[in-house]
Amino acid sequence: MKNNIENGIYIPDEHRNLIPVDEWVKREDPTAAQAVVLVTDFGMLEIAKGDLPGGFNFEGAQKAAAEYRKGFRCPTRHEAIEMYDARFRGLDEALKKIGGKPITTIGWTSEADPDPEYNSYTAFLYLGYTGYVYFNCKYNAFAVRPVSAFKE
């Protein structure tokens, strides 16, 4: 739920309060943040400050994202597109300010091919550097950037 919070990028503090990035970086250790929260008309998405180390196949990506922290998962195709669009509205800069990495890798989404009877061996990826979403073989290894619906 959005709760009348202005669209933008925020840092969740230890009490799950959303702090504007420019305020957060005034703290003694701004790199203590573990995530950013992207607030859009579609909701609030918590995004890990970096990709998980290593490459994962589709099933491994789903498991690794779920194990990152409670409630986390791989992004949907639509969330990946929102993340890409937000790169040009300050998301990459916010990630850098908290010691994170920009979203520039090829990463798994949470979505397999929508017609498994036709093709059950592919799933959707996003190209963080172009914003494209396409499908690839589930057995190939790609990055994972965990996300979660933000709840205060």
C-alpha atoms as a PDB file:
ATOM      1  CA  MET A   1       0.000   0.000   0.000  1.00  0.00           C
ATOM      2  CA  LYS A   2       1.342   3.414  -0.942  1.00  0.00           C
ATOM      3  CA  ASN A   3      -0.104   5.535   1.918  1.00  0.00           C
ATOM      4  CA  ASN A   4       0.161   8.881   0.073  1.00  0.00           C
ATOM      5  CA  ILE A   5       3.940   8.773  -0.200  1.00  0.00           C
ATOM      6  CA  GLU A   6       5.248  10.830  -3.108  1.00  0.00           C
ATOM      7  CA  ASN A   7       6.671   8.875  -6.047  1.00  0.00           C
ATOM      8  CA  GLY A   8      10.445   8.601  -5.840  1.00  0.00           C
ATOM      9  CA  ILE A   9      13.314   6.647  -4.351  1.00  0.00           C
ATOM     10  CA  TYR A  10      13.751   6.205  -0.619  1.00  0.00           C
ATOM     11  CA  ILE A  11      15.893   4.308   1.867  1.00  0.00           C
ATOM     12  CA  PRO A  12      14.118   2.226   4.530  1.00  0.00           C
ATOM     13  CA  ASP A  13      15.561   2.806   8.007  1.00  0.00           C
ATOM     14  CA  GLU A  14      15.747   0.240  10.819  1.00  0.00           C
ATOM     15  CA  HIS A  15      12.095   0.979  11.702  1.00  0.00           C
ATOM     16  CA  ARG A  16      10.931   0.672   8.059  1.00  0.00           C
ATOM     17  CA  ASN A  17      10.385   4.429   7.771  1.00  0.00           C
ATOM     18  CA  LEU A  18      11.148   5.743   4.284  1.00  0.00           C
ATOM     19  CA  ILE A  19      13.906   8.355   4.263  1.00  0.00           C
ATOM     20  CA  PRO A  20      14.632  10.508   1.173  1.00  0.00           C
ATOM     21  CA  VAL A  21      18.032   9.632  -0.305  1.00  0.00           C
ATOM     22  CA  ASP A  22      19.452  13.136   0.195  1.00  0.00           C
ATOM     23  CA  GLU A  23      18.610  12.909   3.919  1.00  0.00           C
ATOM     24  CA  TRP A  24      19.926   9.349   4.234  1.00  0.00           C
ATOM     25  CA  VAL A  25      23.391  10.188   2.874  1.00  0.00           C
ATOM     26  CA  LYS A  26      23.912  12.660   5.749  1.00  0.00           C
ATOM     27  CA  ARG A  27      24.064   9.712   8.171  1.00  0.00           C
ATOM     28  CA  GLU A  28      27.353   8.562   9.641  1.00  0.00           C
ATOM     29  CA  ASP A  29      27.349   5.405   7.504  1.00  0.00           C
ATOM     30  CA  PRO A  30      24.978   5.645   4.525  1.00  0.00           C
ATOM     31  CA  THR A  31      26.290   2.295   3.246  1.00  0.00           C
ATOM     32  CA  ALA A  32      24.529   0.542   6.159  1.00  0.00           C
ATOM     33  CA  ALA A  33      21.365   0.520   4.027  1.00  0.00           C
ATOM     34  CA  GLN A  34      20.520  -2.847   2.493  1.00  0.00           C
ATOM     35  CA  ALA A  35      17.989  -1.688  -0.074  1.00  0.00           C
ATOM     36  CA  VAL A  36      16.189   1.178  -1.747  1.00  0.00           C
ATOM     37  CA  VAL A  37      12.437   1.545  -2.129  1.00  0.00           C
ATOM     38  CA  LEU A  38      11.006   2.623  -5.458  1.00  0.00           C
ATOM     39  CA  VAL A  39       7.627   4.311  -5.042  1.00  0.00           C
ATOM     40  CA  THR A  40       5.523   4.557  -8.211  1.00  0.00           C
ATOM     41  CA  ASP A  41       1.865   4.783  -9.105  1.00  0.00           C
ATOM     42  CA  PHE A  42       1.925   0.961  -9.119  1.00  0.00           C
ATOM     43  CA  GLY A  43       3.111   0.570  -5.513  1.00  0.00           C
ATOM     44  CA  MET A  44       6.289   0.335  -3.479  1.00  0.00           C
ATOM     45  CA  LEU A  45       9.091  -2.026  -4.470  1.00  0.00           C
ATOM     46  CA  GLU A  46      12.055  -2.739  -2.193  1.00  0.00           C
ATOM     47  CA  ILE A  47      15.176  -3.462  -4.252  1.00  0.00           C
ATOM     48  CA  ALA A  48      18.353  -5.060  -2.884  1.00  0.00           C
ATOM     49  CA  LYS A  49      21.360  -2.792  -3.229  1.00  0.00           C
ATOM     50  CA  GLY A  50      23.223  -5.297  -5.386  1.00  0.00           C
ATOM     51  CA  ASP A  51      22.979  -8.485  -7.364  1.00  0.00           C
ATOM     52  CA  LEU A  52      23.586 -11.692  -5.457  1.00  0.00           C
ATOM     53  CA  PRO A  53      27.105 -13.044  -6.040  1.00  0.00           C
ATOM     54  CA  GLY A  54      27.443 -15.558  -8.863  1.00  0.00           C
ATOM     55  CA  GLY A  55      25.180 -16.642 -11.678  1.00  0.00           C
ATOM     56  CA  PHE A  56      22.054 -18.748 -11.323  1.00  0.00           C
ATOM     57  CA  ASN A  57      19.809 -20.823 -13.522  1.00  0.00           C
ATOM     58  CA  PHE A  58      16.100 -19.958 -13.364  1.00  0.00           C
ATOM     59  CA  GLU A  59      15.214 -22.331 -10.505  1.00  0.00           C
ATOM     60  CA  GLY A  60      18.365 -21.413  -8.578  1.00  0.00           C
ATOM     61  CA  ALA A  61      17.560 -17.719  -9.045  1.00  0.00           C
ATOM     62  CA  GLN A  62      14.105 -18.137  -7.530  1.00  0.00           C
ATOM     63  CA  LYS A  63      15.546 -20.005  -4.551  1.00  0.00           C
ATOM     64  CA  ALA A  64      18.444 -17.576  -4.014  1.00  0.00           C
ATOM     65  CA  ALA A  65      16.164 -14.519  -4.135  1.00  0.00           C
ATOM     66  CA  ALA A  66      13.757 -16.114  -1.620  1.00  0.00           C
ATOM     67  CA  GLU A  67      16.661 -16.904   0.712  1.00  0.00           C
ATOM     68  CA  TYR A  68      18.069 -13.361   0.546  1.00  0.00           C
ATOM     69  CA  ARG A  69      15.588 -12.042   3.116  1.00  0.00           C
ATOM     70  CA  LYS A  70      12.042 -12.876   4.110  1.00  0.00           C
ATOM     71  CA  GLY A  71       9.551 -11.827   1.425  1.00  0.00           C
ATOM     72  CA  PHE A  72      12.139 -11.309  -1.300  1.00  0.00           C
ATOM     73  CA  ARG A  73      11.945 -12.826  -4.778  1.00  0.00           C
ATOM     74  CA  CYS A  74      12.988 -12.149  -8.365  1.00  0.00           C
ATOM     75  CA  PRO A  75      11.163  -9.210  -9.954  1.00  0.00           C
ATOM     76  CA  THR A  76       8.255  -9.668 -12.340  1.00  0.00           C
ATOM     77  CA  ARG A  77       8.714  -8.547 -15.939  1.00  0.00           C
ATOM     78  CA  HIS A  78       6.763  -5.388 -15.186  1.00  0.00           C
ATOM     79  CA  GLU A  79       8.801  -4.612 -12.066  1.00  0.00           C
ATOM     80  CA  ALA A  80      12.012  -5.060 -14.075  1.00  0.00           C
ATOM     81  CA  ILE A  81      10.762  -2.495 -16.584  1.00  0.00           C
ATOM     82  CA  GLU A  82       9.855  -0.106 -13.731  1.00  0.00           C
ATOM     83  CA  MET A  83      13.361  -0.571 -12.295  1.00  0.00           C
ATOM     84  CA  TYR A  84      14.927   0.210 -15.671  1.00  0.00           C
ATOM     85  CA  ASP A  85      12.802   3.334 -16.110  1.00  0.00           C
ATOM     86  CA  ALA A  86      13.723   4.460 -12.586  1.00  0.00           C
ATOM     87  CA  ARG A  87      17.419   4.291 -13.465  1.00  0.00           C
ATOM     88  CA  PHE A  88      16.887   7.592 -15.290  1.00  0.00           C
ATOM     89  CA  ARG A  89      15.048   9.104 -12.326  1.00  0.00           C
ATOM     90  CA  GLY A  90      17.812   8.548  -9.773  1.00  0.00           C
ATOM     91  CA  LEU A  91      17.701   4.828  -8.924  1.00  0.00           C
ATOM     92  CA  ASP A  92      21.302   4.116  -9.993  1.00  0.00           C
ATOM     93  CA  GLU A  93      22.558   7.199  -8.125  1.00  0.00           C
ATOM     94  CA  ALA A  94      20.662   6.180  -4.982  1.00  0.00           C
ATOM     95  CA  LEU A  95      22.138   2.685  -5.166  1.00  0.00           C
ATOM     96  CA  LYS A  96      25.653   4.117  -5.535  1.00  0.00           C
ATOM     97  CA  LYS A  97      25.128   6.473  -2.570  1.00  0.00           C
ATOM     98  CA  ILE A  98      24.401   3.514  -0.268  1.00  0.00           C
ATOM     99  CA  GLY A  99      27.355   1.480  -1.558  1.00  0.00           C
ATOM    100  CA  GLY A 100      25.282  -0.542  -4.010  1.00  0.00           C
ATOM    101  CA  LYS A 101      25.567  -1.260  -7.705  1.00  0.00           C
ATOM    102  CA  PRO A 102      23.498   0.114 -10.598  1.00  0.00           C
ATOM    103  CA  ILE A 103      21.037  -2.238 -12.282  1.00  0.00           C
ATOM    104  CA  THR A 104      23.011  -2.967 -15.447  1.00  0.00           C
ATOM    105  CA  THR A 105      23.208  -6.765 -15.558  1.00  0.00           C
ATOM    106  CA  ILE A 106      21.136  -9.408 -17.290  1.00  0.00           C
ATOM    107  CA  GLY A 107      18.867 -10.810 -14.580  1.00  0.00           C
ATOM    108  CA  TRP A 108      16.129 -13.357 -14.096  1.00  0.00           C
ATOM    109  CA  THR A 109      12.536 -12.382 -13.520  1.00  0.00           C
ATOM    110  CA  SER A 110      10.107 -14.514 -11.523  1.00  0.00           C
ATOM    111  CA  GLU A 111       8.172 -15.447 -14.649  1.00  0.00           C
ATOM    112  CA  ALA A 112       8.472 -18.575 -16.750  1.00  0.00           C
ATOM    113  CA  ASP A 113       7.140 -18.825 -20.293  1.00  0.00           C
ATOM    114  CA  PRO A 114       3.396 -18.075 -20.171  1.00  0.00           C
ATOM    115  CA  ASP A 115       2.594 -21.096 -22.389  1.00  0.00           C
ATOM    116  CA  PRO A 116       4.376 -24.066 -20.748  1.00  0.00           C
ATOM    117  CA  GLU A 117       2.617 -26.575 -23.024  1.00  0.00           C
ATOM    118  CA  TYR A 118       4.334 -24.912 -25.956  1.00  0.00           C
ATOM    119  CA  ASN A 119       7.672 -24.213 -24.323  1.00  0.00           C
ATOM    120  CA  SER A 120       8.494 -25.231 -20.759  1.00  0.00           C
ATOM    121  CA  TYR A 121      12.245 -24.687 -20.878  1.00  0.00           C
ATOM    122  CA  THR A 122      12.378 -20.887 -21.099  1.00  0.00           C
ATOM    123  CA  ALA A 123      11.790 -18.019 -18.678  1.00  0.00           C
ATOM    124  CA  PHE A 124      11.935 -14.233 -18.861  1.00  0.00           C
ATOM    125  CA  LEU A 125      15.085 -12.169 -18.328  1.00  0.00           C
ATOM    126  CA  TYR A 126      15.627  -8.440 -18.202  1.00  0.00           C
ATOM    127  CA  LEU A 127      18.582  -6.587 -19.629  1.00  0.00           C
ATOM    128  CA  GLY A 128      19.322  -3.948 -17.032  1.00  0.00           C
ATOM    129  CA  TYR A 129      21.395  -1.904 -19.449  1.00  0.00           C
ATOM    130  CA  THR A 130      18.716  -1.686 -22.198  1.00  0.00           C
ATOM    131  CA  GLY A 131      15.398  -2.267 -20.435  1.00  0.00           C
ATOM    132  CA  TYR A 132      14.457  -5.128 -22.759  1.00  0.00           C
ATOM    133  CA  VAL A 133      12.639  -8.160 -21.425  1.00  0.00           C
ATOM    134  CA  TYR A 134      13.008 -11.397 -23.360  1.00  0.00           C
ATOM    135  CA  PHE A 135      13.101 -15.111 -22.719  1.00  0.00           C
ATOM    136  CA  ASN A 136      16.029 -17.509 -22.501  1.00  0.00           C
ATOM    137  CA  CYS A 137      16.714 -21.128 -21.578  1.00  0.00           C
ATOM    138  CA  LYS A 138      16.081 -21.767 -17.860  1.00  0.00           C
ATOM    139  CA  TYR A 139      19.399 -23.627 -17.588  1.00  0.00           C
ATOM    140  CA  ASN A 140      21.616 -20.662 -18.466  1.00  0.00           C
ATOM    141  CA  ALA A 141      23.237 -18.662 -15.669  1.00  0.00           C
ATOM    142  CA  PHE A 142      22.328 -15.014 -15.093  1.00  0.00           C
ATOM    143  CA  ALA A 143      22.218 -12.485 -12.264  1.00  0.00           C
ATOM    144  CA  VAL A 144      19.660 -12.113  -9.484  1.00  0.00           C
ATOM    145  CA  ARG A 145      18.592  -8.772  -7.972  1.00  0.00           C
ATOM    146  CA  PRO A 146      16.129  -9.606  -5.166  1.00  0.00           C
ATOM    147  CA  VAL A 147      13.053  -7.437  -4.703  1.00  0.00           C
ATOM    148  CA  SER A 148      10.055  -7.372  -2.386  1.00  0.00           C
ATOM    149  CA  ALA A 149       6.792  -5.508  -2.118  1.00  0.00           C
ATOM    150  CA  PHE A 150       7.640  -2.921   0.528  1.00  0.00           C
ATOM    151  CA  LYS A 151       5.653  -3.157   3.718  1.00  0.00           C
ATOM    152  CA  GLU A 152       6.200  -0.690   6.534  1.00  0.00           C
END
